[in-house]
C-alpha atoms as a PDB file:
ATOM      1  CA  MET A   1      -6.480  -2.396  -6.514  1.00  0.00           C
ATOM      2  CA  SER A   2      -8.440   0.232  -8.212  1.00  0.00           C
ATOM      3  CA  SER A   3      -6.716   1.801 -11.203  1.00  0.00           C
ATOM      4  CA  SER A   4      -7.433   5.285  -9.728  1.00  0.00           C
ATOM      5  CA  HIS A   5      -4.651   4.542  -7.247  1.00  0.00           C
ATOM      6  CA  ASN A   6      -1.924   3.800  -9.774  1.00  0.00           C
ATOM      7  CA  LYS A   7       0.596   6.024  -7.983  1.00  0.00           C
ATOM      8  CA  TYR A   8       1.130   3.041  -5.737  1.00  0.00           C
ATOM      9  CA  ASN A   9       2.529  -0.239  -7.029  1.00  0.00           C
ATOM     10  CA  THR A  10       0.472  -3.042  -5.687  1.00  0.00           C
ATOM     11  CA  PRO A  11       2.728  -5.221  -3.458  1.00  0.00           C
ATOM     12  CA  LYS A  12       2.317  -9.033  -3.615  1.00  0.00           C
ATOM     13  CA  ASP A  13       3.718  -9.999  -0.244  1.00  0.00           C
ATOM     14  CA  ALA A  14       1.426  -9.832   2.819  1.00  0.00           C
ATOM     15  CA  MET A  15       3.907  -7.748   4.885  1.00  0.00           C
ATOM     16  CA  ASP A  16       4.405  -5.337   2.027  1.00  0.00           C
ATOM     17  CA  LEU A  17       0.644  -5.077   1.718  1.00  0.00           C
ATOM     18  CA  MET A  18       0.356  -4.342   5.389  1.00  0.00           C
ATOM     19  CA  ASN A  19       3.047  -1.693   5.183  1.00  0.00           C
ATOM     20  CA  MET A  20       1.330  -0.038   2.240  1.00  0.00           C
ATOM     21  CA  ALA A  21      -2.008  -0.298   4.061  1.00  0.00           C
ATOM     22  CA  GLU A  22      -0.568   1.528   7.070  1.00  0.00           C
ATOM     23  CA  LYS A  23       1.029   4.140   4.776  1.00  0.00           C
ATOM     24  CA  VAL A  24      -2.254   5.023   3.105  1.00  0.00           C
ATOM     25  CA  PHE A  25      -4.071   4.817   6.427  1.00  0.00           C
ATOM     26  CA  ASP A  26      -1.714   7.464   7.751  1.00  0.00           C
ATOM     27  CA  GLU A  27      -2.555   9.533   4.645  1.00  0.00           C
ATOM     28  CA  SER A  28      -6.299   9.182   5.554  1.00  0.00           C
ATOM     29  CA  ASN A  29      -6.954   7.120   2.426  1.00  0.00           C
ATOM     30  CA  PHE A  30      -9.052   4.639   4.390  1.00  0.00           C
ATOM     31  CA  THR A  31     -10.791   2.999   1.397  1.00  0.00           C
ATOM     32  CA  LEU A  32      -7.484   2.083  -0.159  1.00  0.00           C
ATOM     33  CA  SER A  33      -6.101   1.012   3.241  1.00  0.00           C
ATOM     34  CA  ILE A  34      -9.053  -1.426   3.586  1.00  0.00           C
ATOM     35  CA  GLN A  35      -8.288  -2.860   0.143  1.00  0.00           C
ATOM     36  CA  TYR A  36      -4.590  -3.399   1.026  1.00  0.00           C
ATOM     37  CA  PHE A  37      -5.419  -4.924   4.467  1.00  0.00           C
ATOM     38  CA  THR A  38      -8.014  -7.193   2.811  1.00  0.00           C
ATOM     39  CA  HIS A  39      -5.464  -8.538   0.273  1.00  0.00           C
ATOM     40  CA  ALA A  40      -2.940  -8.991   3.137  1.00  0.00           C
ATOM     41  CA  ILE A  41      -5.469 -10.839   5.335  1.00  0.00           C
ATOM     42  CA  LYS A  42      -5.921 -13.421   2.566  1.00  0.00           C
ATOM     43  CA  GLN A  43      -2.244 -14.229   2.715  1.00  0.00           C
ATOM     44  CA  ILE A  44      -1.279 -13.912   6.378  1.00  0.00           C
ATOM     45  CA  LYS A  45      -0.305 -17.149   8.176  1.00  0.00           C
ATOM     46  CA  SER A  46       0.653 -15.671  11.611  1.00  0.00           C
ATOM     47  CA  PRO A  47      -2.287 -15.259  14.013  1.00  0.00           C
ATOM     48  CA  THR A  48      -0.581 -12.214  15.516  1.00  0.00           C
ATOM     49  CA  ASN A  49      -0.219 -10.510  12.169  1.00  0.00           C
ATOM     50  CA  LEU A  50      -3.747 -11.517  11.144  1.00  0.00           C
ATOM     51  CA  ALA A  51      -5.153 -10.041  14.379  1.00  0.00           C
ATOM     52  CA  TYR A  52      -3.204  -6.849  13.797  1.00  0.00           C
ATOM     53  CA  ALA A  53      -4.420  -6.544  10.177  1.00  0.00           C
ATOM     54  CA  LEU A  54      -7.986  -7.147  11.244  1.00  0.00           C
ATOM     55  CA  TYR A  55      -7.710  -4.537  14.023  1.00  0.00           C
ATOM     56  CA  MET A  56      -6.208  -1.959  11.626  1.00  0.00           C
ATOM     57  CA  ARG A  57      -8.791  -2.740   8.866  1.00  0.00           C
ATOM     58  CA  GLY A  58     -11.460  -2.208  11.550  1.00  0.00           C
ATOM     59  CA  CYS A  59      -9.971   1.195  12.352  1.00  0.00           C
ATOM     60  CA  ALA A  60     -10.161   2.120   8.687  1.00  0.00           C
ATOM     61  CA  TYR A  61     -13.763   1.021   8.543  1.00  0.00           C
ATOM     62  CA  LYS A  62     -14.546   3.086  11.643  1.00  0.00           C
ATOM     63  CA  GLU A  63     -12.993   6.205   9.996  1.00  0.00           C
ATOM     64  CA  LEU A  64     -15.412   5.642   7.122  1.00  0.00           C
ATOM     65  CA  GLY A  65     -18.372   5.392   9.468  1.00  0.00           C
ATOM     66  CA  LYS A  66     -18.817   1.666   8.908  1.00  0.00           C
ATOM     67  CA  GLN A  67     -19.097   0.622  12.509  1.00  0.00           C
ATOM     68  CA  SER A  68     -20.606  -2.802  11.857  1.00  0.00           C
ATOM     69  CA  ASN A  69     -17.681  -3.747   9.636  1.00  0.00           C
ATOM     70  CA  ALA A  70     -15.267  -2.340  12.299  1.00  0.00           C
ATOM     71  CA  ARG A  71     -17.018  -4.327  15.030  1.00  0.00           C
ATOM     72  CA  LYS A  72     -16.803  -7.522  12.981  1.00  0.00           C
ATOM     73  CA  ASP A  73     -13.081  -7.153  12.325  1.00  0.00           C
ATOM     74  CA  TRP A  74     -12.303  -6.172  15.917  1.00  0.00           C
ATOM     75  CA  LEU A  75     -14.279  -9.149  17.334  1.00  0.00           C
ATOM     76  CA  GLN A  76     -12.414 -11.458  14.944  1.00  0.00           C
ATOM     77  CA  ALA A  77      -9.100 -10.008  15.981  1.00  0.00           C
ATOM     78  CA  LYS A  78     -10.019 -10.287  19.678  1.00  0.00           C
ATOM     79  CA  GLY A  79     -10.918 -13.967  19.029  1.00  0.00           C
ATOM     80  CA  LEU A  80      -7.317 -14.490  17.747  1.00  0.00           C
ATOM     81  CA  GLY A  81      -5.921 -13.201  21.007  1.00  0.00           C
ATOM     82  CA  PHE A  82      -4.621  -9.844  19.762  1.00  0.00           C
ATOM     83  CA  GLU A  83      -2.465  -8.252  22.508  1.00  0.00           C
ATOM     84  CA  HIS A  84      -0.708  -4.918  22.434  1.00  0.00           C
ATOM     85  CA  PRO A  85       2.952  -5.235  23.486  1.00  0.00           C
ATOM     86  CA  TRP A  86       2.301  -2.800  26.438  1.00  0.00           C
ATOM     87  CA  ASN A  87      -0.765  -4.840  27.555  1.00  0.00           C
ATOM     88  CA  ILE A  88      -3.234  -2.111  26.345  1.00  0.00           C
ATOM     89  CA  ASP A  89      -6.497  -3.713  25.305  1.00  0.00           C
ATOM     90  CA  LEU A  90      -6.929  -1.615  22.046  1.00  0.00           C
ATOM     91  CA  ILE A  91      -9.821  -3.792  20.787  1.00  0.00           C
ATOM     92  CA  SER A  92     -11.981  -3.484  23.909  1.00  0.00           C
ATOM     93  CA  ASP A  93     -11.345   0.225  24.018  1.00  0.00           C
ATOM     94  CA  ALA A  94     -12.298   0.511  20.302  1.00  0.00           C
ATOM     95  CA  LEU A  95     -15.417  -1.588  20.779  1.00  0.00           C
ATOM     96  CA  LYS A  96     -16.501   0.533  23.743  1.00  0.00           C
ATOM     97  CA  ALA A  97     -16.121   3.731  21.673  1.00  0.00           C
ATOM     98  CA  LEU A  98     -18.570   2.500  18.972  1.00  0.00           C
END
């Protein structure tokens, strides 16, 4: 992580990284969120968690205006069979909005 973000301790565990990524995403710190999700993605073993992390990283990319990066992550997440618990197809909706 960048030293300019030293108010956050860099977690080592994938789930902690995802939690931190969500926290900074909610604070509109999309660049740092992408960094945390990227580190988590390298460690995640579960296809469900990987798909979710890719989806969320894609959302952060979209917020930064990086639609091609968002599309790439969302398509990869869709390929892993990402499904919302309420059967909402978030990825298809996100892709249509690009």
